[in-house]
PDB file of N, CA and C in Angstrom:
ATOM      1  N   MET A   1      14.099  27.000  36.646  1.00  0.00           N
ATOM      2  CA  MET A   1      12.699  27.185  36.012  1.00  0.00           C
ATOM      3  C   MET A   1      12.142  25.717  36.427  1.00  0.00           C
ATOM      4  N   ALA A   2      10.981  25.891  37.174  1.00  0.00           N
ATOM      5  CA  ALA A   2      10.742  24.592  37.929  1.00  0.00           C
ATOM      6  C   ALA A   2      10.050  23.792  36.824  1.00  0.00           C
ATOM      7  N   MET A   3       9.581  22.767  36.782  1.00  0.00           N
ATOM      8  CA  MET A   3       8.790  22.003  35.860  1.00  0.00           C
ATOM      9  C   MET A   3       7.403  21.904  36.471  1.00  0.00           C
ATOM     10  N   ALA A   4       6.647  22.265  35.294  1.00  0.00           N
ATOM     11  CA  ALA A   4       5.188  22.010  35.190  1.00  0.00           C
ATOM     12  C   ALA A   4       4.395  21.086  36.026  1.00  0.00           C
ATOM     13  N   LYS A   5       3.635  21.552  36.826  1.00  0.00           N
ATOM     14  CA  LYS A   5       3.022  20.498  37.399  1.00  0.00           C
ATOM     15  C   LYS A   5       1.906  19.451  36.530  1.00  0.00           C
ATOM     16  N   ARG A   6       1.901  18.278  36.569  1.00  0.00           N
ATOM     17  CA  ARG A   6       1.235  17.714  36.064  1.00  0.00           C
ATOM     18  C   ARG A   6      -0.285  17.792  36.588  1.00  0.00           C
ATOM     19  N   PHE A   7      -1.192  17.541  35.652  1.00  0.00           N
ATOM     20  CA  PHE A   7      -2.602  17.445  35.625  1.00  0.00           C
ATOM     21  C   PHE A   7      -2.987  16.574  36.826  1.00  0.00           C
ATOM     22  N   ASP A   8      -4.058  16.874  37.637  1.00  0.00           N
ATOM     23  CA  ASP A   8      -4.585  15.524  38.277  1.00  0.00           C
ATOM     24  C   ASP A   8      -5.471  15.154  37.644  1.00  0.00           C
ATOM     25  N   GLU A   9      -5.539  13.511  37.903  1.00  0.00           N
ATOM     26  CA  GLU A   9      -6.295  12.615  37.395  1.00  0.00           C
ATOM     27  C   GLU A   9      -7.827  13.062  37.287  1.00  0.00           C
ATOM     28  N   PHE A  10      -8.576  13.662  38.043  1.00  0.00           N
ATOM     29  CA  PHE A  10      -9.992  14.242  37.487  1.00  0.00           C
ATOM     30  C   PHE A  10      -9.863  15.360  36.784  1.00  0.00           C
ATOM     31  N   GLN A  11      -8.757  16.399  36.629  1.00  0.00           N
ATOM     32  CA  GLN A  11      -8.770  17.058  35.668  1.00  0.00           C
ATOM     33  C   GLN A  11      -8.559  16.623  34.269  1.00  0.00           C
ATOM     34  N   ILE A  12      -7.446  15.969  33.850  1.00  0.00           N
ATOM     35  CA  ILE A  12      -7.507  14.941  32.990  1.00  0.00           C
ATOM     36  C   ILE A  12      -8.968  14.474  32.522  1.00  0.00           C
ATOM     37  N   ASP A  13      -9.403  13.678  33.545  1.00  0.00           N
ATOM     38  CA  ASP A  13     -10.573  12.885  32.815  1.00  0.00           C
ATOM     39  C   ASP A  13     -11.699  14.196  32.380  1.00  0.00           C
ATOM     40  N   SER A  14     -11.826  15.088  33.318  1.00  0.00           N
ATOM     41  CA  SER A  14     -13.044  16.359  32.596  1.00  0.00           C
ATOM     42  C   SER A  14     -12.536  16.915  31.391  1.00  0.00           C
ATOM     43  N   LEU A  15     -11.270  17.068  30.962  1.00  0.00           N
ATOM     44  CA  LEU A  15     -10.710  17.353  29.869  1.00  0.00           C
ATOM     45  C   LEU A  15     -11.377  16.551  28.940  1.00  0.00           C
ATOM     46  N   LYS A  16     -10.589  15.008  28.790  1.00  0.00           N
ATOM     47  CA  LYS A  16     -10.953  14.070  27.832  1.00  0.00           C
ATOM     48  C   LYS A  16     -12.237  14.171  27.460  1.00  0.00           C
ATOM     49  N   LEU A  17     -13.092  14.196  28.703  1.00  0.00           N
ATOM     50  CA  LEU A  17     -14.688  14.044  28.533  1.00  0.00           C
ATOM     51  C   LEU A  17     -15.164  15.331  27.790  1.00  0.00           C
ATOM     52  N   ALA A  18     -14.515  16.115  27.958  1.00  0.00           N
ATOM     53  CA  ALA A  18     -15.157  17.758  26.837  1.00  0.00           C
ATOM     54  C   ALA A  18     -14.613  17.480  25.397  1.00  0.00           C
ATOM     55  N   PHE A  19     -13.338  16.680  25.620  1.00  0.00           N
ATOM     56  CA  PHE A  19     -12.561  16.522  24.125  1.00  0.00           C
ATOM     57  C   PHE A  19     -13.694  15.789  23.230  1.00  0.00           C
ATOM     58  N   GLU A  20     -13.967  14.327  24.085  1.00  0.00           N
ATOM     59  CA  GLU A  20     -15.101  13.500  23.326  1.00  0.00           C
ATOM     60  C   GLU A  20     -15.946  14.353  22.815  1.00  0.00           C
ATOM     61  N   GLU A  21     -16.542  15.291  23.672  1.00  0.00           N
ATOM     62  CA  GLU A  21     -17.875  15.825  23.162  1.00  0.00           C
ATOM     63  C   GLU A  21     -17.653  16.662  22.026  1.00  0.00           C
ATOM     64  N   SER A  22     -16.499  17.482  21.838  1.00  0.00           N
ATOM     65  CA  SER A  22     -15.999  18.441  20.942  1.00  0.00           C
ATOM     66  C   SER A  22     -14.358  18.677  21.048  1.00  0.00           C
ATOM     67  N   GLU A  23     -14.122  18.454  19.844  1.00  0.00           N
ATOM     68  CA  GLU A  23     -12.540  18.837  20.103  1.00  0.00           C
ATOM     69  C   GLU A  23     -12.484  20.565  19.783  1.00  0.00           C
ATOM     70  N   HIS A  24     -13.382  21.411  19.726  1.00  0.00           N
ATOM     71  CA  HIS A  24     -12.875  22.659  19.800  1.00  0.00           C
ATOM     72  C   HIS A  24     -13.747  23.122  20.853  1.00  0.00           C
ATOM     73  N   LEU A  25     -13.680  23.841  21.994  1.00  0.00           N
ATOM     74  CA  LEU A  25     -14.210  24.482  22.613  1.00  0.00           C
ATOM     75  C   LEU A  25     -14.831  25.893  22.491  1.00  0.00           C
ATOM     76  N   THR A  26     -16.004  26.129  22.746  1.00  0.00           N
ATOM     77  CA  THR A  26     -16.680  27.301  23.035  1.00  0.00           C
ATOM     78  C   THR A  26     -16.124  28.240  24.248  1.00  0.00           C
ATOM     79  N   LYS A  27     -16.419  29.532  24.390  1.00  0.00           N
ATOM     80  CA  LYS A  27     -16.151  29.942  25.378  1.00  0.00           C
ATOM     81  C   LYS A  27     -16.517  29.612  26.612  1.00  0.00           C
ATOM     82  N   ASP A  28     -18.201  29.341  26.371  1.00  0.00           N
ATOM     83  CA  ASP A  28     -18.892  28.796  27.690  1.00  0.00           C
ATOM     84  C   ASP A  28     -18.253  27.295  28.339  1.00  0.00           C
ATOM     85  N   LYS A  29     -17.857  26.500  27.187  1.00  0.00           N
ATOM     86  CA  LYS A  29     -17.553  25.036  27.648  1.00  0.00           C
ATOM     87  C   LYS A  29     -16.264  25.466  28.415  1.00  0.00           C
ATOM     88  N   LYS A  30     -15.117  26.242  28.061  1.00  0.00           N
ATOM     89  CA  LYS A  30     -14.027  26.472  28.348  1.00  0.00           C
ATOM     90  C   LYS A  30     -14.166  27.084  29.825  1.00  0.00           C
ATOM     91  N   MET A  31     -15.055  28.344  29.964  1.00  0.00           N
ATOM     92  CA  MET A  31     -15.337  28.758  31.400  1.00  0.00           C
ATOM     93  C   MET A  31     -15.877  27.564  32.153  1.00  0.00           C
ATOM     94  N   ASP A  32     -16.820  26.828  31.919  1.00  0.00           N
ATOM     95  CA  ASP A  32     -17.282  25.567  32.905  1.00  0.00           C
ATOM     96  C   ASP A  32     -15.889  24.982  33.058  1.00  0.00           C
ATOM     97  N   LEU A  33     -15.177  24.507  32.173  1.00  0.00           N
ATOM     98  CA  LEU A  33     -13.836  23.489  32.574  1.00  0.00           C
ATOM     99  C   LEU A  33     -12.900  24.499  33.234  1.00  0.00           C
ATOM    100  N   VAL A  34     -13.007  25.887  33.332  1.00  0.00           N
ATOM    101  CA  VAL A  34     -11.937  26.446  34.530  1.00  0.00           C
ATOM    102  C   VAL A  34     -12.780  26.393  35.596  1.00  0.00           C
ATOM    103  N   LYS A  35     -13.673  26.136  36.082  1.00  0.00           N
ATOM    104  CA  LYS A  35     -14.518  26.339  37.177  1.00  0.00           C
ATOM    105  C   LYS A  35     -14.640  24.848  38.010  1.00  0.00           C
ATOM    106  N   VAL A  36     -14.740  23.730  36.769  1.00  0.00           N
ATOM    107  CA  VAL A  36     -14.700  22.338  37.427  1.00  0.00           C
ATOM    108  C   VAL A  36     -13.406  21.794  37.812  1.00  0.00           C
ATOM    109  N   THR A  37     -12.201  22.503  36.632  1.00  0.00           N
ATOM    110  CA  THR A  37     -10.700  21.723  36.975  1.00  0.00           C
ATOM    111  C   THR A  37      -9.889  22.744  38.023  1.00  0.00           C
ATOM    112  N   GLY A  38     -10.038  23.800  37.984  1.00  0.00           N
ATOM    113  CA  GLY A  38      -9.277  24.265  38.535  1.00  0.00           C
ATOM    114  C   GLY A  38      -7.765  25.089  37.998  1.00  0.00           C
ATOM    115  N   LEU A  39      -8.230  24.763  36.522  1.00  0.00           N
ATOM    116  CA  LEU A  39      -7.180  25.048  35.489  1.00  0.00           C
ATOM    117  C   LEU A  39      -7.367  26.374  34.663  1.00  0.00           C
ATOM    118  N   ASP A  40      -6.612  27.312  34.489  1.00  0.00           N
ATOM    119  CA  ASP A  40      -6.656  28.520  33.861  1.00  0.00           C
ATOM    120  C   ASP A  40      -6.772  28.274  32.159  1.00  0.00           C
ATOM    121  N   MET A  41      -7.606  29.241  31.450  1.00  0.00           N
ATOM    122  CA  MET A  41      -8.038  28.887  30.185  1.00  0.00           C
ATOM    123  C   MET A  41      -6.489  28.496  29.463  1.00  0.00           C
ATOM    124  N   GLU A  42      -5.569  29.288  29.554  1.00  0.00           N
ATOM    125  CA  GLU A  42      -4.466  28.857  28.720  1.00  0.00           C
ATOM    126  C   GLU A  42      -4.074  27.436  29.139  1.00  0.00           C
ATOM    127  N   GLN A  43      -3.972  26.863  29.979  1.00  0.00           N
ATOM    128  CA  GLN A  43      -3.656  25.429  30.419  1.00  0.00           C
ATOM    129  C   GLN A  43      -4.577  24.759  29.535  1.00  0.00           C
ATOM    130  N   ILE A  44      -6.127  25.026  29.985  1.00  0.00           N
ATOM    131  CA  ILE A  44      -7.093  24.314  28.899  1.00  0.00           C
ATOM    132  C   ILE A  44      -6.977  24.549  27.667  1.00  0.00           C
ATOM    133  N   THR A  45      -6.575  25.496  27.235  1.00  0.00           N
ATOM    134  CA  THR A  45      -6.642  25.404  25.582  1.00  0.00           C
ATOM    135  C   THR A  45      -5.268  25.230  24.971  1.00  0.00           C
ATOM    136  N   SER A  46      -3.988  25.178  25.749  1.00  0.00           N
ATOM    137  CA  SER A  46      -2.977  24.104  25.805  1.00  0.00           C
ATOM    138  C   SER A  46      -3.224  22.824  25.544  1.00  0.00           C
ATOM    139  N   TRP A  47      -3.771  22.501  26.380  1.00  0.00           N
ATOM    140  CA  TRP A  47      -4.134  21.227  26.665  1.00  0.00           C
ATOM    141  C   TRP A  47      -4.756  20.508  25.308  1.00  0.00           C
ATOM    142  N   PHE A  48      -5.887  21.181  24.986  1.00  0.00           N
ATOM    143  CA  PHE A  48      -6.772  21.096  23.768  1.00  0.00           C
ATOM    144  C   PHE A  48      -5.623  21.250  22.388  1.00  0.00           C
ATOM    145  N   ASN A  49      -5.084  22.154  22.239  1.00  0.00           N
ATOM    146  CA  ASN A  49      -4.362  22.065  21.057  1.00  0.00           C
ATOM    147  C   ASN A  49      -3.165  21.103  21.272  1.00  0.00           C
ATOM    148  N   ARG A  50      -2.694  20.519  22.211  1.00  0.00           N
ATOM    149  CA  ARG A  50      -1.865  19.245  22.212  1.00  0.00           C
ATOM    150  C   ARG A  50      -2.679  18.212  21.777  1.00  0.00           C
ATOM    151  N   LYS A  51      -4.047  17.844  22.540  1.00  0.00           N
ATOM    152  CA  LYS A  51      -4.800  16.513  22.174  1.00  0.00           C
ATOM    153  C   LYS A  51      -5.044  16.553  20.425  1.00  0.00           C
ATOM    154  N   ARG A  52      -5.199  17.901  19.983  1.00  0.00           N
ATOM    155  CA  ARG A  52      -5.615  17.693  19.068  1.00  0.00           C
ATOM    156  C   ARG A  52      -4.142  17.405  17.699  1.00  0.00           C
ATOM    157  N   ALA A  53      -3.470  18.040  18.198  1.00  0.00           N
ATOM    158  CA  ALA A  53      -2.085  17.447  17.620  1.00  0.00           C
ATOM    159  C   ALA A  53      -1.573  16.174  17.594  1.00  0.00           C
ATOM    160  N   ARG A  54      -1.854  15.675  19.080  1.00  0.00           N
ATOM    161  CA  ARG A  54      -1.012  14.213  18.977  1.00  0.00           C
ATOM    162  C   ARG A  54      -2.362  13.240  18.108  1.00  0.00           C
ATOM    163  N   LYS A  55      -3.426  13.609  18.034  1.00  0.00           N
ATOM    164  CA  LYS A  55      -4.571  13.095  17.380  1.00  0.00           C
ATOM    165  C   LYS A  55      -4.214  13.160  15.794  1.00  0.00           C
ATOM    166  N   ARG A  56      -4.060  14.241  15.338  1.00  0.00           N
ATOM    167  CA  ARG A  56      -3.664  14.220  13.842  1.00  0.00           C
ATOM    168  C   ARG A  56      -2.300  13.351  13.762  1.00  0.00           C
ATOM    169  N   GLY A  57      -1.327  13.550  14.584  1.00  0.00           N
ATOM    170  CA  GLY A  57      -0.225  12.659  14.709  1.00  0.00           C
ATOM    171  C   GLY A  57      -0.429  11.131  14.453  1.00  0.00           C
ATOM    172  N   LYS A  58      -1.410  10.828  15.309  1.00  0.00           N
ATOM    173  CA  LYS A  58      -1.640   9.052  15.126  1.00  0.00           C
ATOM    174  C   LYS A  58      -2.492   9.069  14.044  1.00  0.00           C
ATOM    175  N   GLU A  59      -3.501   9.767  13.686  1.00  0.00           N
ATOM    176  CA  GLU A  59      -4.508   9.718  12.219  1.00  0.00           C
ATOM    177  C   GLU A  59      -3.115   9.500  11.185  1.00  0.00           C
ATOM    178  N   SER A  60      -2.277  10.494  11.016  1.00  0.00           N
ATOM    179  CA  SER A  60      -1.241  10.606   9.946  1.00  0.00           C
ATOM    180  C   SER A  60      -0.411   8.850   9.990  1.00  0.00           C
ATOM    181  N   ILE A  61      -0.234   8.450  11.157  1.00  0.00           N
ATOM    182  CA  ILE A  61       0.598   7.552  11.374  1.00  0.00           C
ATOM    183  C   ILE A  61      -0.426   6.242  10.469  1.00  0.00           C
ATOM    184  N   LEU A  62      -1.433   6.371  11.276  1.00  0.00           N
ATOM    185  CA  LEU A  62      -2.347   5.265  10.532  1.00  0.00           C
ATOM    186  C   LEU A  62      -2.541   5.335   9.166  1.00  0.00           C
ATOM    187  N   LYS A  63      -2.651   6.627   8.748  1.00  0.00           N
ATOM    188  CA  LYS A  63      -2.933   6.778   7.237  1.00  0.00           C
ATOM    189  C   LYS A  63      -1.616   6.245   6.442  1.00  0.00           C
ATOM    190  N   LEU A  64      -0.384   6.512   6.764  1.00  0.00           N
ATOM    191  CA  LEU A  64       0.946   5.959   6.422  1.00  0.00           C
ATOM    192  C   LEU A  64       0.903   4.546   6.458  1.00  0.00           C
ATOM    193  N   GLN A  65       0.176   3.508   7.804  1.00  0.00           N
ATOM    194  CA  GLN A  65       0.332   2.419   7.595  1.00  0.00           C
ATOM    195  C   GLN A  65      -0.583   1.778   6.483  1.00  0.00           C
ATOM    196  N   ARG A  66      -1.532   2.218   6.471  1.00  0.00           N
ATOM    197  CA  ARG A  66      -2.290   1.712   5.439  1.00  0.00           C
ATOM    198  C   ARG A  66      -1.968   1.654   3.847  1.00  0.00           C
ATOM    199  N   ILE A  67      -1.718   3.307   3.513  1.00  0.00           N
ATOM    200  CA  ILE A  67      -0.825   3.389   2.219  1.00  0.00           C
ATOM    201  C   ILE A  67       0.332   2.547   2.179  1.00  0.00           C
ATOM    202  N   ASN A  68       1.257   2.113   3.273  1.00  0.00           N
ATOM    203  CA  ASN A  68       2.146   1.271   3.276  1.00  0.00           C
ATOM    204  C   ASN A  68       1.861  -0.307   2.900  1.00  0.00           C
ATOM    205  N   ALA A  69       0.566  -0.429   3.447  1.00  0.00           N
ATOM    206  CA  ALA A  69       0.234  -1.966   3.174  1.00  0.00           C
ATOM    207  C   ALA A  69      -0.568  -2.186   2.107  1.00  0.00           C
ATOM    208  N   GLU A  70      -1.160  -1.126   1.349  1.00  0.00           N
ATOM    209  CA  GLU A  70      -1.666  -1.314  -0.043  1.00  0.00           C
ATOM    210  C   GLU A  70      -0.560  -1.029  -0.913  1.00  0.00           C
ATOM    211  N   LEU A  71       0.654  -0.481  -0.552  1.00  0.00           N
ATOM    212  CA  LEU A  71       1.673  -0.475  -1.475  1.00  0.00           C
ATOM    213  C   LEU A  71       2.404  -1.665  -1.512  1.00  0.00           C
ATOM    214  N   LYS A  72       2.617  -2.051  -0.600  1.00  0.00           N
ATOM    215  CA  LYS A  72       3.356  -3.652  -0.041  1.00  0.00           C
ATOM    216  C   LYS A  72       2.253  -4.889  -0.839  1.00  0.00           C
ATOM    217  N   GLN A  73       0.648  -4.670  -0.976  1.00  0.00           N
ATOM    218  CA  GLN A  73       0.121  -5.573  -1.523  1.00  0.00           C
ATOM    219  C   GLN A  73       0.505  -5.561  -3.188  1.00  0.00           C
ATOM    220  N   LEU A  74       0.243  -4.145  -3.571  1.00  0.00           N
ATOM    221  CA  LEU A  74       0.599  -3.660  -5.040  1.00  0.00           C
ATOM    222  C   LEU A  74       1.882  -4.520  -5.254  1.00  0.00           C
ATOM    223  N   LEU A  75       2.875  -4.200  -4.491  1.00  0.00           N
ATOM    224  CA  LEU A  75       4.005  -4.468  -4.950  1.00  0.00           C
ATOM    225  C   LEU A  75       3.899  -6.134  -5.202  1.00  0.00           C
ATOM    226  N   GLN A  76       3.455  -6.711  -4.512  1.00  0.00           N
ATOM    227  CA  GLN A  76       3.209  -8.279  -4.083  1.00  0.00           C
ATOM    228  C   GLN A  76       2.692  -8.956  -5.358  1.00  0.00           C
ATOM    229  N   GLN A  77       1.530  -8.213  -5.908  1.00  0.00           N
ATOM    230  CA  GLN A  77       0.574  -8.515  -7.261  1.00  0.00           C
ATOM    231  C   GLN A  77       1.512  -8.035  -8.327  1.00  0.00           C
ATOM    232  N   ARG A  78       2.780  -6.913  -8.441  1.00  0.00           N
ATOM    233  CA  ARG A  78       2.960  -6.884  -9.407  1.00  0.00           C
ATOM    234  C   ARG A  78       4.376  -8.341  -9.453  1.00  0.00           C
ATOM    235  N   HIS A  79       4.799  -8.282  -8.635  1.00  0.00           N
ATOM    236  CA  HIS A  79       5.612  -9.490  -8.487  1.00  0.00           C
ATOM    237  C   HIS A  79       5.169 -10.751  -8.942  1.00  0.00           C
ATOM    238  N   ASP A  80       4.061 -11.257  -8.414  1.00  0.00           N
ATOM    239  CA  ASP A  80       3.491 -12.359  -8.872  1.00  0.00           C
ATOM    240  C   ASP A  80       2.865 -12.301 -10.636  1.00  0.00           C
ATOM    241  N   TRP A  81       2.496 -11.272 -10.934  1.00  0.00           N
ATOM    242  CA  TRP A  81       2.438 -10.672 -12.428  1.00  0.00           C
ATOM    243  C   TRP A  81       3.576 -11.049 -12.874  1.00  0.00           C
ATOM    244  N   GLU A  82       4.154 -10.345 -12.682  1.00  0.00           N
ATOM    245  CA  GLU A  82       5.657 -10.443 -13.297  1.00  0.00           C
ATOM    246  C   GLU A  82       6.414 -12.240 -13.746  1.00  0.00           C
ATOM    247  N   THR A  83       6.076 -12.554 -12.695  1.00  0.00           N
ATOM    248  CA  THR A  83       6.869 -14.093 -12.579  1.00  0.00           C
ATOM    249  C   THR A  83       5.506 -14.877 -13.383  1.00  0.00           C
ATOM    250  N   LYS A  84       4.329 -14.511 -13.445  1.00  0.00           N
ATOM    251  CA  LYS A  84       3.499 -15.218 -14.542  1.00  0.00           C
ATOM    252  C   LYS A  84       3.731 -15.079 -15.733  1.00  0.00           C
ATOM    253  N   LEU A  85       4.191 -13.832 -16.041  1.00  0.00           N
ATOM    254  CA  LEU A  85       4.569 -13.291 -17.700  1.00  0.00           C
ATOM    255  C   LEU A  85       5.865 -13.956 -18.019  1.00  0.00           C
ATOM    256  N   GLN A  86       6.912 -14.154 -17.128  1.00  0.00           N
ATOM    257  CA  GLN A  86       8.033 -14.718 -17.423  1.00  0.00           C
ATOM    258  C   GLN A  86       7.859 -15.826 -17.865  1.00  0.00           C
ATOM    259  N   LYS A  87       6.940 -16.932 -16.860  1.00  0.00           N
ATOM    260  CA  LYS A  87       6.549 -18.094 -17.017  1.00  0.00           C
ATOM    261  C   LYS A  87       6.326 -18.264 -18.893  1.00  0.00           C
ATOM    262  N   GLU A  88       5.017 -17.380 -18.824  1.00  0.00           N
ATOM    263  CA  GLU A  88       4.428 -17.568 -20.110  1.00  0.00           C
ATOM    264  C   GLU A  88       5.331 -17.426 -21.356  1.00  0.00           C
ATOM    265  N   LEU A  89       6.511 -16.360 -20.949  1.00  0.00           N
ATOM    266  CA  LEU A  89       7.817 -15.899 -21.867  1.00  0.00           C
ATOM    267  C   LEU A  89       8.425 -17.258 -22.253  1.00  0.00           C
ATOM    268  N   GLU A  90       8.794 -17.848 -21.065  1.00  0.00           N
ATOM    269  CA  GLU A  90       9.531 -19.063 -21.080  1.00  0.00           C
ATOM    270  C   GLU A  90       8.686 -20.365 -22.028  1.00  0.00           C
ATOM    271  N   GLU A  91       7.643 -20.355 -21.773  1.00  0.00           N
ATOM    272  CA  GLU A  91       6.744 -21.238 -22.349  1.00  0.00           C
ATOM    273  C   GLU A  91       6.627 -21.128 -24.159  1.00  0.00           C
ATOM    274  N   SER A  92       6.439 -19.680 -24.108  1.00  0.00           N
ATOM    275  CA  SER A  92       6.360 -19.228 -25.568  1.00  0.00           C
ATOM    276  C   SER A  92       7.226 -19.688 -26.315  1.00  0.00           C
ATOM    277  N   LYS A  93       8.551 -19.140 -25.483  1.00  0.00           N
ATOM    278  CA  LYS A  93      10.098 -19.398 -26.329  1.00  0.00           C
ATOM    279  C   LYS A  93      10.192 -20.955 -26.582  1.00  0.00           C
ATOM    280  N   ARG A  94       9.841 -21.926 -26.050  1.00  0.00           N
ATOM    281  CA  ARG A  94       9.908 -23.197 -26.028  1.00  0.00           C
ATOM    282  C   ARG A  94       9.033 -23.677 -27.013  1.00  0.00           C
ATOM    283  N   ARG A  95       8.013 -23.232 -26.764  1.00  0.00           N
ATOM    284  CA  ARG A  95       7.038 -23.812 -27.955  1.00  0.00           C
ATOM    285  C   ARG A  95       7.635 -23.239 -29.199  1.00  0.00           C
ATOM    286  N   GLU A  96       7.871 -22.133 -29.247  1.00  0.00           N
ATOM    287  CA  GLU A  96       8.646 -21.403 -30.630  1.00  0.00           C
ATOM    288  C   GLU A  96       9.994 -22.280 -31.416  1.00  0.00           C
ATOM    289  N   ALA A  97      10.592 -22.650 -30.175  1.00  0.00           N
ATOM    290  CA  ALA A  97      11.700 -23.510 -30.479  1.00  0.00           C
ATOM    291  C   ALA A  97      11.231 -24.992 -31.199  1.00  0.00           C
ATOM    292  N   GLU A  98      10.211 -25.526 -30.753  1.00  0.00           N
ATOM    293  CA  GLU A  98       9.425 -26.743 -30.810  1.00  0.00           C
ATOM    294  C   GLU A  98       9.179 -26.356 -32.205  1.00  0.00           C
ATOM    295  N   LEU A  99       8.208 -25.465 -32.667  1.00  0.00           N
ATOM    296  CA  LEU A  99       7.557 -25.464 -33.858  1.00  0.00           C
ATOM    297  C   LEU A  99       8.670 -25.238 -34.856  1.00  0.00           C
ATOM    298  N   GLU A 100       9.655 -24.364 -34.560  1.00  0.00           N
ATOM    299  CA  GLU A 100      10.893 -24.032 -35.579  1.00  0.00           C
ATOM    300  C   GLU A 100      11.730 -25.540 -35.926  1.00  0.00           C
ATOM    301  N   GLU A 101      11.598 -26.394 -35.035  1.00  0.00           N
ATOM    302  CA  GLU A 101      12.214 -27.617 -35.278  1.00  0.00           C
ATOM    303  C   GLU A 101      11.697 -28.457 -36.004  1.00  0.00           C
ATOM    304  N   GLU A 102      10.383 -28.640 -35.513  1.00  0.00           N
ATOM    305  CA  GLU A 102       9.057 -29.349 -36.544  1.00  0.00           C
ATOM    306  C   GLU A 102       8.943 -28.672 -38.098  1.00  0.00           C
ATOM    307  N   ASN A 103       8.954 -27.224 -38.238  1.00  0.00           N
ATOM    308  CA  ASN A 103       9.259 -26.567 -39.512  1.00  0.00           C
ATOM    309  C   ASN A 103      10.490 -27.208 -40.175  1.00  0.00           C
ATOM    310  N   LEU A 104      11.501 -27.084 -39.659  1.00  0.00           N
ATOM    311  CA  LEU A 104      12.900 -27.472 -40.051  1.00  0.00           C
ATOM    312  C   LEU A 104      12.760 -29.053 -40.793  1.00  0.00           C
ATOM    313  N   LEU A 105      12.396 -30.128 -39.658  1.00  0.00           N
ATOM    314  CA  LEU A 105      12.226 -31.094 -40.170  1.00  0.00           C
ATOM    315  C   LEU A 105      11.276 -31.387 -41.553  1.00  0.00           C
ATOM    316  N   LEU A 106      10.217 -30.349 -41.577  1.00  0.00           N
ATOM    317  CA  LEU A 106       9.204 -30.797 -42.236  1.00  0.00           C
ATOM    318  C   LEU A 106       9.773 -30.266 -43.831  1.00  0.00           C
ATOM    319  N   LYS A 107      10.570 -29.162 -44.217  1.00  0.00           N
ATOM    320  CA  LYS A 107      11.093 -28.621 -45.043  1.00  0.00           C
ATOM    321  C   LYS A 107      12.421 -30.014 -45.214  1.00  0.00           C
ATOM    322  N   ARG A 108      12.786 -30.514 -44.795  1.00  0.00           N
ATOM    323  CA  ARG A 108      13.978 -31.399 -45.139  1.00  0.00           C
ATOM    324  C   ARG A 108      12.673 -32.594 -46.081  1.00  0.00           C
ATOM    325  N   ARG A 109      11.971 -32.765 -45.441  1.00  0.00           N
ATOM    326  CA  ARG A 109      10.739 -34.157 -45.705  1.00  0.00           C
ATOM    327  C   ARG A 109      10.790 -33.495 -47.052  1.00  0.00           C
ATOM    328  N   LEU A 110      10.137 -32.294 -47.203  1.00  0.00           N
ATOM    329  CA  LEU A 110       9.460 -31.830 -48.379  1.00  0.00           C
ATOM    330  C   LEU A 110      10.763 -31.657 -49.626  1.00  0.00           C
ATOM    331  N   THR A 111      11.708 -31.463 -49.003  1.00  0.00           N
ATOM    332  CA  THR A 111      13.105 -31.310 -50.096  1.00  0.00           C
ATOM    333  C   THR A 111      13.505 -32.399 -50.061  1.00  0.00           C
ATOM    334  N   ASN A 112      13.519 -33.868 -49.428  1.00  0.00           N
ATOM    335  CA  ASN A 112      13.627 -35.038 -50.081  1.00  0.00           C
ATOM    336  C   ASN A 112      12.556 -35.689 -50.799  1.00  0.00           C
ATOM    337  N   SER A 113      11.341 -35.332 -50.486  1.00  0.00           N
ATOM    338  CA  SER A 113       9.975 -36.028 -51.305  1.00  0.00           C
ATOM    339  C   SER A 113      10.552 -35.104 -52.827  1.00  0.00           C
ATOM    340  N   ALA A 114      10.965 -33.911 -52.705  1.00  0.00           N
ATOM    341  CA  ALA A 114      10.865 -33.115 -53.873  1.00  0.00           C
ATOM    342  C   ALA A 114      12.157 -34.081 -55.168  1.00  0.00           C
ATOM    343  N   SER A 115      13.058 -34.344 -54.359  1.00  0.00           N
ATOM    344  CA  SER A 115      14.383 -35.085 -54.770  1.00  0.00           C
ATOM    345  C   SER A 115      14.094 -36.300 -55.362  1.00  0.00           C
ATOM    346  N   VAL A 116      13.234 -37.198 -54.786  1.00  0.00           N
ATOM    347  CA  VAL A 116      12.792 -38.498 -54.843  1.00  0.00           C
ATOM    348  C   VAL A 116      11.792 -38.114 -56.208  1.00  0.00           C
ATOM    349  N   MET A 117      10.720 -37.380 -55.999  1.00  0.00           N
ATOM    350  CA  MET A 117       9.879 -37.369 -57.258  1.00  0.00           C
ATOM    351  C   MET A 117      11.008 -36.583 -58.721  1.00  0.00           C
ATOM    352  N   ASP A 118      11.743 -35.871 -58.358  1.00  0.00           N
ATOM    353  CA  ASP A 118      12.892 -35.630 -59.557  1.00  0.00           C
ATOM    354  C   ASP A 118      13.311 -36.776 -60.170  1.00  0.00           C
ATOM    355  N   PHE A 119      13.883 -37.478 -59.520  1.00  0.00           N
ATOM    356  CA  PHE A 119      14.791 -38.873 -59.595  1.00  0.00           C
ATOM    357  C   PHE A 119      13.717 -39.588 -60.473  1.00  0.00           C
ATOM    358  N   VAL A 120      12.180 -40.077 -59.733  1.00  0.00           N
ATOM    359  CA  VAL A 120      11.255 -40.775 -60.166  1.00  0.00           C
ATOM    360  C   VAL A 120      10.996 -40.053 -61.676  1.00  0.00           C
ATOM    361  N   HIS A 121      10.794 -39.056 -61.929  1.00  0.00           N
ATOM    362  CA  HIS A 121      10.435 -38.324 -63.164  1.00  0.00           C
ATOM    363  C   HIS A 121      11.367 -38.210 -63.848  1.00  0.00           C
ATOM    364  N   GLY A 122      12.732 -38.181 -63.903  1.00  0.00           N
ATOM    365  CA  GLY A 122      13.943 -38.249 -64.411  1.00  0.00           C
ATOM    366  C   GLY A 122      14.375 -36.529 -64.845  1.00  0.00           C
ATOM    367  N   TYR A 123      14.046 -36.030 -63.511  1.00  0.00           N
ATOM    368  CA  TYR A 123      14.620 -34.401 -63.731  1.00  0.00           C
ATOM    369  C   TYR A 123      16.020 -34.420 -63.250  1.00  0.00           C
ATOM    370  N   PRO A 124      16.782 -33.184 -63.627  1.00  0.00           N
ATOM    371  CA  PRO A 124      18.203 -33.476 -63.338  1.00  0.00           C
ATOM    372  C   PRO A 124      18.264 -33.013 -61.666  1.00  0.00           C
TER     373      PRO A 124
END
């Protein structure tokens, strides 16, 4: 079985021009293309079907690339947020430890002060 002959440049140009006007051909437009290009109806119909399929494929790829970029951006934002929260958590823990240490010192002072007061007032 022989390979199908490639379309001539003028045939492709005519088909592309018609596709730019409309992705779906009317019967009249198909007949005009048959006359202008010398191709048969089946060749023209097949070319349009393939062209629409390629266009949908390219659109799908572009859509997936946009979605991928959005997801990467969201992932980066999530990572940045996680990092910020981790730093805030560490700072809160550090501050909590400082306050606990200060609280312990104040309790010791209070205990010492109470002991001194007991001694001064003669309590056992």
